Amino acid sequence: MGYPYKTILCPVDFDENSQAAVAHARRLAIDMEATLHLLHVLPILPLLSDRGAVGGIDQDAEAEARRRLKEIARRLSRTRCEIHTRIGFVSDVPKNILVAARELGADLIVMATHGRSVLKHLFFGSVAEAVVRNAVCPVLTLRPAAEAADRPSKKTAKSSKTATAAR
């Protein structure tokens, strides 16, 4: 384990933020000639298990997750890529990511944060926070795309200062 990274794990939940993390992980994998491992953890919802779904998961959910991971992997040109799925209770998603990282011998985990409000964070916790706290390898977290877009770029800040000075 160490730099340069050779095994990069990128958990994916198929939202815009995790897609940005995949893009960043891809660039790192290309630069370091690393293998990128895409992981999706299918959450077991206890309410579904009460309605007869095996293990609380729709029978086609894992196949659909694998299909979506394969589609992402297909778009990652010039990148050695492997896909993985795991199944676990919603509260065990961080644990599943950490177990996968250990099993793969990951040198780096690249993942998105979701920028939840304080109240949502209190009830749902933070997957990224739990992974950062317990990982045995470095973890690179990326903030939500919307938050990054709200920050003015240096170029924008300079041009607005120039416009203000000219007045």
N, C-alpha and C. Protein backbone atom coordinates (compact mmCIF):
# COMPACT_ATOMS: atom_id res chain seq x y z
N MET A 1 0.84 -1.19 0.00
CA MET A 1 0.00 0.00 0.00
C MET A 1 0.87 1.24 0.00
N GLY A 2 0.56 2.16 -0.84
CA GLY A 2 1.30 3.39 -0.85
C GLY A 2 1.25 4.07 -2.19
N TYR A 3 2.01 5.10 -2.28
CA TYR A 3 2.05 5.91 -3.50
C TYR A 3 3.14 5.40 -4.40
N PRO A 4 3.03 5.33 -5.68
CA PRO A 4 1.81 5.59 -6.45
C PRO A 4 0.79 4.48 -6.24
N TYR A 5 -0.46 4.87 -6.27
CA TYR A 5 -1.55 3.94 -6.02
C TYR A 5 -1.70 2.99 -7.21
N LYS A 6 -1.92 1.72 -6.92
CA LYS A 6 -2.10 0.71 -7.97
C LYS A 6 -3.50 0.12 -7.95
N THR A 7 -4.18 0.22 -6.81
CA THR A 7 -5.54 -0.30 -6.67
C THR A 7 -6.40 0.80 -6.07
N ILE A 8 -7.32 1.34 -6.87
CA ILE A 8 -8.18 2.44 -6.43
C ILE A 8 -9.63 1.93 -6.37
N LEU A 9 -10.26 2.11 -5.22
CA LEU A 9 -11.66 1.73 -5.04
C LEU A 9 -12.52 2.97 -5.10
N CYS A 10 -13.58 2.90 -5.90
CA CYS A 10 -14.50 4.03 -6.02
C CYS A 10 -15.93 3.55 -5.81
N PRO A 11 -16.50 3.78 -4.62
CA PRO A 11 -17.90 3.42 -4.39
C PRO A 11 -18.82 4.30 -5.24
N VAL A 12 -19.83 3.69 -5.83
CA VAL A 12 -20.73 4.39 -6.75
C VAL A 12 -22.16 4.17 -6.31
N ASP A 13 -22.93 5.25 -6.20
CA ASP A 13 -24.36 5.08 -5.95
C ASP A 13 -25.19 5.65 -7.10
N PHE A 14 -24.52 5.92 -8.22
CA PHE A 14 -25.12 6.33 -9.49
C PHE A 14 -25.69 7.73 -9.50
N ASP A 15 -25.43 8.53 -8.48
CA ASP A 15 -25.89 9.92 -8.55
C ASP A 15 -24.80 10.78 -9.19
N GLU A 16 -25.09 12.05 -9.39
CA GLU A 16 -24.17 12.97 -10.05
C GLU A 16 -22.85 13.11 -9.29
N ASN A 17 -22.93 13.13 -7.96
CA ASN A 17 -21.72 13.28 -7.16
C ASN A 17 -20.79 12.08 -7.31
N SER A 18 -21.35 10.88 -7.30
CA SER A 18 -20.48 9.71 -7.44
C SER A 18 -19.93 9.61 -8.86
N GLN A 19 -20.64 10.14 -9.84
CA GLN A 19 -20.12 10.16 -11.21
C GLN A 19 -18.89 11.07 -11.29
N ALA A 20 -18.93 12.18 -10.55
CA ALA A 20 -17.77 13.09 -10.50
C ALA A 20 -16.59 12.40 -9.82
N ALA A 21 -16.87 11.61 -8.79
CA ALA A 21 -15.81 10.86 -8.11
C ALA A 21 -15.20 9.82 -9.05
N VAL A 22 -16.03 9.16 -9.85
CA VAL A 22 -15.54 8.19 -10.82
C VAL A 22 -14.61 8.87 -11.83
N ALA A 23 -15.01 10.05 -12.30
CA ALA A 23 -14.17 10.77 -13.26
C ALA A 23 -12.82 11.12 -12.66
N HIS A 24 -12.82 11.54 -11.41
CA HIS A 24 -11.57 11.89 -10.73
C HIS A 24 -10.71 10.64 -10.50
N ALA A 25 -11.35 9.56 -10.07
CA ALA A 25 -10.64 8.30 -9.84
C ALA A 25 -10.06 7.78 -11.15
N ARG A 26 -10.77 7.96 -12.24
CA ARG A 26 -10.28 7.54 -13.55
C ARG A 26 -8.99 8.27 -13.91
N ARG A 27 -8.98 9.59 -13.70
CA ARG A 27 -7.76 10.37 -14.01
C ARG A 27 -6.59 9.89 -13.17
N LEU A 28 -6.83 9.62 -11.89
CA LEU A 28 -5.77 9.10 -11.03
C LEU A 28 -5.29 7.73 -11.51
N ALA A 29 -6.23 6.87 -11.89
CA ALA A 29 -5.88 5.53 -12.35
C ALA A 29 -5.04 5.60 -13.63
N ILE A 30 -5.38 6.48 -14.53
CA ILE A 30 -4.60 6.64 -15.76
C ILE A 30 -3.20 7.14 -15.43
N ASP A 31 -3.12 8.18 -14.61
CA ASP A 31 -1.82 8.77 -14.26
C ASP A 31 -0.90 7.77 -13.56
N MET A 32 -1.48 6.89 -12.75
CA MET A 32 -0.67 5.98 -11.94
C MET A 32 -0.66 4.54 -12.48
N GLU A 33 -1.30 4.36 -13.65
CA GLU A 33 -1.41 3.03 -14.24
C GLU A 33 -1.99 2.04 -13.24
N ALA A 34 -3.05 2.49 -12.57
CA ALA A 34 -3.71 1.70 -11.52
C ALA A 34 -4.96 1.02 -12.07
N THR A 35 -5.45 0.05 -11.32
CA THR A 35 -6.72 -0.58 -11.63
C THR A 35 -7.79 0.12 -10.80
N LEU A 36 -8.88 0.50 -11.47
CA LEU A 36 -9.99 1.17 -10.81
C LEU A 36 -11.09 0.13 -10.55
N HIS A 37 -11.48 0.03 -9.29
CA HIS A 37 -12.53 -0.90 -8.88
C HIS A 37 -13.78 -0.09 -8.56
N LEU A 38 -14.84 -0.30 -9.32
CA LEU A 38 -16.11 0.36 -9.07
C LEU A 38 -16.96 -0.56 -8.20
N LEU A 39 -17.51 -0.01 -7.12
CA LEU A 39 -18.29 -0.80 -6.17
C LEU A 39 -19.65 -0.15 -5.94
N HIS A 40 -20.69 -0.97 -6.01
CA HIS A 40 -22.02 -0.50 -5.62
C HIS A 40 -22.53 -1.43 -4.52
N VAL A 41 -22.94 -0.83 -3.40
CA VAL A 41 -23.52 -1.61 -2.30
C VAL A 41 -25.03 -1.48 -2.39
N LEU A 42 -25.68 -2.62 -2.59
CA LEU A 42 -27.14 -2.64 -2.66
C LEU A 42 -27.68 -2.68 -1.24
N PRO A 43 -28.41 -1.66 -0.84
CA PRO A 43 -28.91 -1.62 0.54
C PRO A 43 -30.14 -2.49 0.73
N ILE A 44 -30.12 -3.27 1.79
CA ILE A 44 -31.30 -4.05 2.17
C ILE A 44 -32.19 -3.14 2.99
N LEU A 45 -33.42 -3.03 2.57
CA LEU A 45 -34.39 -2.22 3.31
C LEU A 45 -35.31 -3.17 4.06
N PRO A 46 -35.33 -3.11 5.39
CA PRO A 46 -36.15 -4.05 6.18
C PRO A 46 -37.62 -4.07 5.77
N LEU A 47 -38.17 -2.93 5.33
CA LEU A 47 -39.59 -2.90 4.95
C LEU A 47 -39.85 -3.80 3.75
N LEU A 48 -38.91 -3.87 2.81
CA LEU A 48 -39.10 -4.73 1.64
C LEU A 48 -39.06 -6.20 2.02
N SER A 49 -38.24 -6.56 3.00
CA SER A 49 -38.16 -7.97 3.39
C SER A 49 -39.48 -8.43 4.00
N ASP A 50 -40.24 -7.49 4.60
CA ASP A 50 -41.55 -7.83 5.15
C ASP A 50 -42.57 -8.10 4.05
N ARG A 51 -42.30 -7.61 2.83
CA ARG A 51 -43.25 -7.77 1.73
C ARG A 51 -42.88 -8.94 0.82
N GLY A 52 -41.93 -9.74 1.23
CA GLY A 52 -41.64 -10.95 0.47
C GLY A 52 -40.46 -10.86 -0.48
N ALA A 53 -39.82 -9.72 -0.61
CA ALA A 53 -38.63 -9.64 -1.45
C ALA A 53 -37.50 -10.37 -0.74
N VAL A 54 -36.83 -11.25 -1.44
CA VAL A 54 -35.77 -12.06 -0.83
C VAL A 54 -34.66 -11.17 -0.32
N GLY A 55 -34.35 -11.28 0.96
CA GLY A 55 -33.28 -10.49 1.55
C GLY A 55 -33.56 -9.01 1.55
N GLY A 56 -34.80 -8.60 1.29
CA GLY A 56 -35.13 -7.18 1.28
C GLY A 56 -34.71 -6.49 0.00
N ILE A 57 -34.31 -7.27 -1.03
CA ILE A 57 -33.86 -6.67 -2.29
C ILE A 57 -34.68 -7.23 -3.43
N ASP A 58 -35.11 -6.37 -4.31
CA ASP A 58 -35.78 -6.79 -5.53
C ASP A 58 -34.85 -7.74 -6.27
N GLN A 59 -35.40 -8.83 -6.81
CA GLN A 59 -34.59 -9.85 -7.48
C GLN A 59 -33.73 -9.28 -8.61
N ASP A 60 -34.19 -8.25 -9.26
CA ASP A 60 -33.46 -7.70 -10.41
C ASP A 60 -32.51 -6.57 -10.03
N ALA A 61 -32.50 -6.17 -8.76
CA ALA A 61 -31.71 -5.01 -8.35
C ALA A 61 -30.22 -5.22 -8.56
N GLU A 62 -29.71 -6.38 -8.20
CA GLU A 62 -28.28 -6.63 -8.36
C GLU A 62 -27.90 -6.69 -9.84
N ALA A 63 -28.73 -7.32 -10.65
CA ALA A 63 -28.46 -7.38 -12.09
C ALA A 63 -28.47 -5.98 -12.69
N GLU A 64 -29.40 -5.14 -12.25
CA GLU A 64 -29.46 -3.77 -12.75
C GLU A 64 -28.23 -2.97 -12.31
N ALA A 65 -27.79 -3.15 -11.06
CA ALA A 65 -26.60 -2.46 -10.57
C ALA A 65 -25.37 -2.88 -11.38
N ARG A 66 -25.23 -4.17 -11.64
CA ARG A 66 -24.10 -4.66 -12.43
C ARG A 66 -24.15 -4.09 -13.85
N ARG A 67 -25.36 -4.02 -14.43
CA ARG A 67 -25.50 -3.46 -15.77
C ARG A 67 -25.04 -1.99 -15.80
N ARG A 68 -25.46 -1.23 -14.79
CA ARG A 68 -25.10 0.18 -14.72
C ARG A 68 -23.60 0.36 -14.49
N LEU A 69 -23.01 -0.49 -13.64
CA LEU A 69 -21.56 -0.43 -13.41
C LEU A 69 -20.79 -0.77 -14.70
N LYS A 70 -21.27 -1.78 -15.43
CA LYS A 70 -20.63 -2.14 -16.70
C LYS A 70 -20.69 -0.98 -17.70
N GLU A 71 -21.82 -0.28 -17.72
CA GLU A 71 -21.96 0.88 -18.61
C GLU A 71 -20.96 1.98 -18.24
N ILE A 72 -20.80 2.24 -16.96
CA ILE A 72 -19.82 3.23 -16.51
C ILE A 72 -18.42 2.77 -16.90
N ALA A 73 -18.11 1.50 -16.65
CA ALA A 73 -16.78 0.96 -16.97
C ALA A 73 -16.49 1.06 -18.46
N ARG A 74 -17.51 0.83 -19.30
CA ARG A 74 -17.34 0.92 -20.75
C ARG A 74 -16.92 2.33 -21.19
N ARG A 75 -17.41 3.33 -20.47
CA ARG A 75 -17.09 4.72 -20.82
C ARG A 75 -15.72 5.17 -20.32
N LEU A 76 -15.06 4.36 -19.51
CA LEU A 76 -13.77 4.73 -18.93
C LEU A 76 -12.64 4.24 -19.83
N SER A 77 -12.47 4.89 -20.94
CA SER A 77 -11.43 4.47 -21.87
C SER A 77 -10.04 4.60 -21.24
N ARG A 78 -9.14 3.78 -21.67
CA ARG A 78 -7.74 3.76 -21.21
C ARG A 78 -7.61 3.45 -19.73
N THR A 79 -8.60 2.82 -19.13
CA THR A 79 -8.56 2.53 -17.69
C THR A 79 -8.84 1.05 -17.44
N ARG A 80 -7.94 0.40 -16.71
CA ARG A 80 -8.23 -0.97 -16.26
C ARG A 80 -9.29 -0.84 -15.19
N CYS A 81 -10.38 -1.55 -15.38
CA CYS A 81 -11.52 -1.36 -14.50
C CYS A 81 -12.17 -2.70 -14.17
N GLU A 82 -12.57 -2.85 -12.92
CA GLU A 82 -13.33 -4.02 -12.48
C GLU A 82 -14.55 -3.53 -11.73
N ILE A 83 -15.63 -4.32 -11.79
CA ILE A 83 -16.86 -3.93 -11.10
C ILE A 83 -17.17 -4.93 -10.00
N HIS A 84 -17.80 -4.43 -8.94
CA HIS A 84 -18.15 -5.26 -7.78
C HIS A 84 -19.49 -4.79 -7.23
N THR A 85 -20.28 -5.72 -6.74
CA THR A 85 -21.49 -5.38 -6.00
C THR A 85 -21.45 -6.13 -4.68
N ARG A 86 -22.06 -5.52 -3.68
CA ARG A 86 -22.21 -6.16 -2.37
C ARG A 86 -23.63 -5.86 -1.91
N ILE A 87 -24.11 -6.64 -0.98
CA ILE A 87 -25.45 -6.46 -0.44
C ILE A 87 -25.34 -6.33 1.07
N GLY A 88 -26.03 -5.33 1.64
CA GLY A 88 -25.99 -5.15 3.09
C GLY A 88 -27.06 -4.19 3.55
N PHE A 89 -27.32 -4.21 4.83
CA PHE A 89 -28.28 -3.26 5.39
C PHE A 89 -27.78 -1.84 5.17
N VAL A 90 -28.70 -0.90 5.08
CA VAL A 90 -28.35 0.50 4.84
C VAL A 90 -27.30 0.97 5.83
N SER A 91 -27.44 0.59 7.08
CA SER A 91 -26.49 1.02 8.11
C SER A 91 -25.10 0.40 7.93
N ASP A 92 -25.01 -0.66 7.13
CA ASP A 92 -23.74 -1.35 6.92
C ASP A 92 -23.03 -0.96 5.63
N VAL A 93 -23.52 0.04 4.93
CA VAL A 93 -22.87 0.45 3.67
C VAL A 93 -21.40 0.81 3.90
N PRO A 94 -21.07 1.65 4.90
CA PRO A 94 -19.65 1.95 5.12
C PRO A 94 -18.82 0.70 5.40
N LYS A 95 -19.37 -0.21 6.21
CA LYS A 95 -18.67 -1.45 6.54
C LYS A 95 -18.41 -2.26 5.26
N ASN A 96 -19.38 -2.33 4.37
CA ASN A 96 -19.21 -3.06 3.11
C ASN A 96 -18.13 -2.43 2.24
N ILE A 97 -18.05 -1.12 2.23
CA ILE A 97 -17.00 -0.43 1.46
C ILE A 97 -15.64 -0.76 2.06
N LEU A 98 -15.54 -0.70 3.38
CA LEU A 98 -14.26 -0.99 4.05
C LEU A 98 -13.83 -2.44 3.87
N VAL A 99 -14.77 -3.37 3.92
CA VAL A 99 -14.44 -4.78 3.71
C VAL A 99 -13.94 -4.98 2.28
N ALA A 100 -14.62 -4.37 1.32
CA ALA A 100 -14.19 -4.47 -0.08
C ALA A 100 -12.79 -3.89 -0.25
N ALA A 101 -12.52 -2.76 0.39
CA ALA A 101 -11.19 -2.14 0.30
C ALA A 101 -10.12 -3.08 0.84
N ARG A 102 -10.40 -3.72 1.96
CA ARG A 102 -9.43 -4.67 2.52
C ARG A 102 -9.24 -5.89 1.62
N GLU A 103 -10.35 -6.45 1.13
CA GLU A 103 -10.26 -7.63 0.26
C GLU A 103 -9.50 -7.35 -1.02
N LEU A 104 -9.67 -6.15 -1.57
CA LEU A 104 -9.00 -5.79 -2.82
C LEU A 104 -7.57 -5.30 -2.59
N GLY A 105 -7.23 -5.00 -1.35
CA GLY A 105 -5.93 -4.41 -1.06
C GLY A 105 -5.84 -3.00 -1.62
N ALA A 106 -6.93 -2.24 -1.50
CA ALA A 106 -6.99 -0.89 -2.06
C ALA A 106 -5.92 0.01 -1.45
N ASP A 107 -5.27 0.78 -2.33
CA ASP A 107 -4.28 1.77 -1.90
C ASP A 107 -4.95 3.12 -1.66
N LEU A 108 -6.13 3.32 -2.26
CA LEU A 108 -6.84 4.59 -2.17
C LEU A 108 -8.31 4.34 -2.39
N ILE A 109 -9.15 5.08 -1.64
CA ILE A 109 -10.59 5.08 -1.86
C ILE A 109 -10.95 6.48 -2.32
N VAL A 110 -11.66 6.60 -3.43
CA VAL A 110 -12.12 7.89 -3.94
C VAL A 110 -13.64 7.86 -3.90
N MET A 111 -14.24 8.79 -3.16
CA MET A 111 -15.69 8.78 -3.03
C MET A 111 -16.25 10.18 -2.86
N ALA A 112 -17.51 10.32 -3.21
CA ALA A 112 -18.20 11.60 -3.09
C ALA A 112 -18.84 11.71 -1.71
N THR A 113 -18.95 12.94 -1.26
CA THR A 113 -19.78 13.22 -0.08
C THR A 113 -21.10 13.74 -0.62
N HIS A 114 -22.12 13.75 0.20
CA HIS A 114 -23.43 14.16 -0.30
C HIS A 114 -23.95 15.46 0.29
N GLY A 115 -23.20 16.08 1.17
CA GLY A 115 -23.57 17.40 1.66
C GLY A 115 -24.94 17.46 2.31
N ARG A 116 -25.26 16.47 3.12
CA ARG A 116 -26.56 16.45 3.78
C ARG A 116 -26.66 17.57 4.81
N SER A 117 -27.89 17.98 5.10
CA SER A 117 -28.12 18.96 6.14
C SER A 117 -27.79 18.32 7.49
N VAL A 118 -27.68 19.14 8.51
CA VAL A 118 -27.34 18.66 9.84
C VAL A 118 -28.38 17.65 10.33
N LEU A 119 -29.65 17.92 10.09
CA LEU A 119 -30.72 17.04 10.55
C LEU A 119 -30.66 15.69 9.84
N LYS A 120 -30.50 15.69 8.52
CA LYS A 120 -30.39 14.43 7.78
C LYS A 120 -29.14 13.67 8.21
N HIS A 121 -28.05 14.40 8.45
CA HIS A 121 -26.80 13.76 8.87
C HIS A 121 -26.99 13.08 10.23
N LEU A 122 -27.75 13.73 11.11
CA LEU A 122 -28.01 13.17 12.43
C LEU A 122 -28.75 11.84 12.32
N PHE A 123 -29.75 11.78 11.43
CA PHE A 123 -30.55 10.57 11.30
C PHE A 123 -29.89 9.50 10.43
N PHE A 124 -29.25 9.90 9.33
CA PHE A 124 -28.72 8.93 8.38
C PHE A 124 -27.23 8.72 8.50
N GLY A 125 -26.54 9.64 9.18
CA GLY A 125 -25.09 9.54 9.28
C GLY A 125 -24.43 9.86 7.95
N SER A 126 -23.17 9.68 7.90
CA SER A 126 -22.43 9.95 6.67
C SER A 126 -21.60 8.73 6.33
N VAL A 127 -21.86 8.18 5.16
CA VAL A 127 -21.09 7.03 4.69
C VAL A 127 -19.63 7.45 4.54
N ALA A 128 -19.40 8.59 3.90
CA ALA A 128 -18.03 9.05 3.67
C ALA A 128 -17.29 9.26 5.00
N GLU A 129 -17.98 9.85 5.97
CA GLU A 129 -17.35 10.10 7.27
C GLU A 129 -16.95 8.79 7.94
N ALA A 130 -17.82 7.80 7.90
CA ALA A 130 -17.51 6.51 8.52
C ALA A 130 -16.36 5.81 7.80
N VAL A 131 -16.31 5.94 6.48
CA VAL A 131 -15.22 5.33 5.72
C VAL A 131 -13.91 6.03 6.05
N VAL A 132 -13.91 7.36 6.07
CA VAL A 132 -12.69 8.11 6.39
C VAL A 132 -12.19 7.74 7.78
N ARG A 133 -13.11 7.64 8.73
CA ARG A 133 -12.75 7.35 10.12
C ARG A 133 -12.14 5.96 10.29
N ASN A 134 -12.55 5.00 9.47
CA ASN A 134 -12.16 3.61 9.72
C ASN A 134 -11.29 2.98 8.64
N ALA A 135 -11.00 3.67 7.58
CA ALA A 135 -10.22 3.09 6.48
C ALA A 135 -8.76 2.89 6.89
N VAL A 136 -8.16 1.86 6.33
CA VAL A 136 -6.75 1.59 6.58
C VAL A 136 -5.89 2.14 5.45
N CYS A 137 -6.51 2.77 4.47
CA CYS A 137 -5.78 3.41 3.37
C CYS A 137 -6.28 4.84 3.24
N PRO A 138 -5.58 5.69 2.48
CA PRO A 138 -6.06 7.06 2.29
C PRO A 138 -7.43 7.09 1.60
N VAL A 139 -8.23 8.11 1.95
CA VAL A 139 -9.55 8.29 1.36
C VAL A 139 -9.61 9.71 0.81
N LEU A 140 -9.92 9.83 -0.47
CA LEU A 140 -10.10 11.13 -1.10
C LEU A 140 -11.59 11.35 -1.25
N THR A 141 -12.11 12.40 -0.61
CA THR A 141 -13.53 12.71 -0.71
C THR A 141 -13.71 13.95 -1.57
N LEU A 142 -14.77 13.93 -2.37
CA LEU A 142 -15.09 15.04 -3.25
C LEU A 142 -16.43 15.62 -2.85
N ARG A 143 -16.49 16.93 -2.76
CA ARG A 143 -17.73 17.60 -2.36
C ARG A 143 -18.75 17.56 -3.49
N PRO A 144 -20.03 17.75 -3.14
CA PRO A 144 -21.08 17.75 -4.17
C PRO A 144 -20.81 18.79 -5.25
N ALA A 145 -21.20 18.45 -6.46
CA ALA A 145 -20.97 19.33 -7.61
C ALA A 145 -21.65 20.69 -7.43
N ALA A 146 -22.84 20.71 -6.84
CA ALA A 146 -23.56 21.97 -6.67
C ALA A 146 -22.80 22.92 -5.78
N GLU A 147 -22.18 22.41 -4.71
CA GLU A 147 -21.41 23.26 -3.82
C GLU A 147 -20.18 23.83 -4.53
N ALA A 148 -19.53 23.01 -5.34
CA ALA A 148 -18.35 23.47 -6.06
C ALA A 148 -18.73 24.54 -7.08
N ALA A 149 -19.91 24.41 -7.69
CA ALA A 149 -20.36 25.38 -8.68
C ALA A 149 -20.72 26.72 -8.03
N ASP A 150 -21.13 26.69 -6.76
CA ASP A 150 -21.50 27.92 -6.07
C ASP A 150 -20.29 28.77 -5.72
N ARG A 151 -19.11 28.15 -5.60
CA ARG A 151 -17.92 28.91 -5.26
C ARG A 151 -17.42 29.66 -6.48
N PRO A 152 -17.12 30.97 -6.35
CA PRO A 152 -16.60 31.70 -7.50
C PRO A 152 -15.19 31.25 -7.83
N SER A 153 -14.89 31.16 -9.11
CA SER A 153 -13.54 30.80 -9.52
C SER A 153 -12.63 32.00 -9.33
N LYS A 154 -11.31 31.77 -9.34
CA LYS A 154 -10.36 32.87 -9.18
C LYS A 154 -10.51 33.87 -10.31
N LYS A 155 -10.74 33.36 -11.52
CA LYS A 155 -10.89 34.24 -12.68
C LYS A 155 -12.12 35.14 -12.50
N THR A 156 -13.24 34.56 -12.05
CA THR A 156 -14.46 35.33 -11.83
C THR A 156 -14.25 36.35 -10.72
N ALA A 157 -13.57 35.96 -9.65
CA ALA A 157 -13.33 36.86 -8.53
C ALA A 157 -12.46 38.03 -8.98
N LYS A 158 -11.43 37.77 -9.79
CA LYS A 158 -10.56 38.84 -10.28
C LYS A 158 -11.33 39.80 -11.17
N SER A 159 -12.15 39.27 -12.09
CA SER A 159 -12.88 40.14 -13.01
C SER A 159 -13.89 40.99 -12.26
N SER A 160 -14.51 40.47 -11.20
CA SER A 160 -15.47 41.28 -10.44
C SER A 160 -14.74 42.34 -9.63
N LYS A 161 -13.51 42.06 -9.15
CA LYS A 161 -12.73 43.07 -8.44
C LYS A 161 -12.32 44.17 -9.41
N THR A 162 -11.93 43.79 -10.62
CA THR A 162 -11.54 44.77 -11.63
C THR A 162 -12.72 45.65 -11.99
N ALA A 163 -13.89 45.05 -12.16
CA ALA A 163 -15.09 45.82 -12.50
C ALA A 163 -15.45 46.78 -11.37
N THR A 164 -15.29 46.35 -10.12
CA THR A 164 -15.60 47.21 -8.97
C THR A 164 -14.58 48.35 -8.91
N ALA A 165 -13.30 48.06 -9.16
CA ALA A 165 -12.27 49.10 -9.12
C ALA A 165 -12.46 50.12 -10.22
N ALA A 166 -12.98 49.71 -11.36
CA ALA A 166 -13.16 50.61 -12.48
C ALA A 166 -14.29 51.60 -12.23
N ARG A 167 -15.23 51.23 -11.37
CA ARG A 167 -16.37 52.11 -11.09
C ARG A 167 -15.89 53.20 -10.25
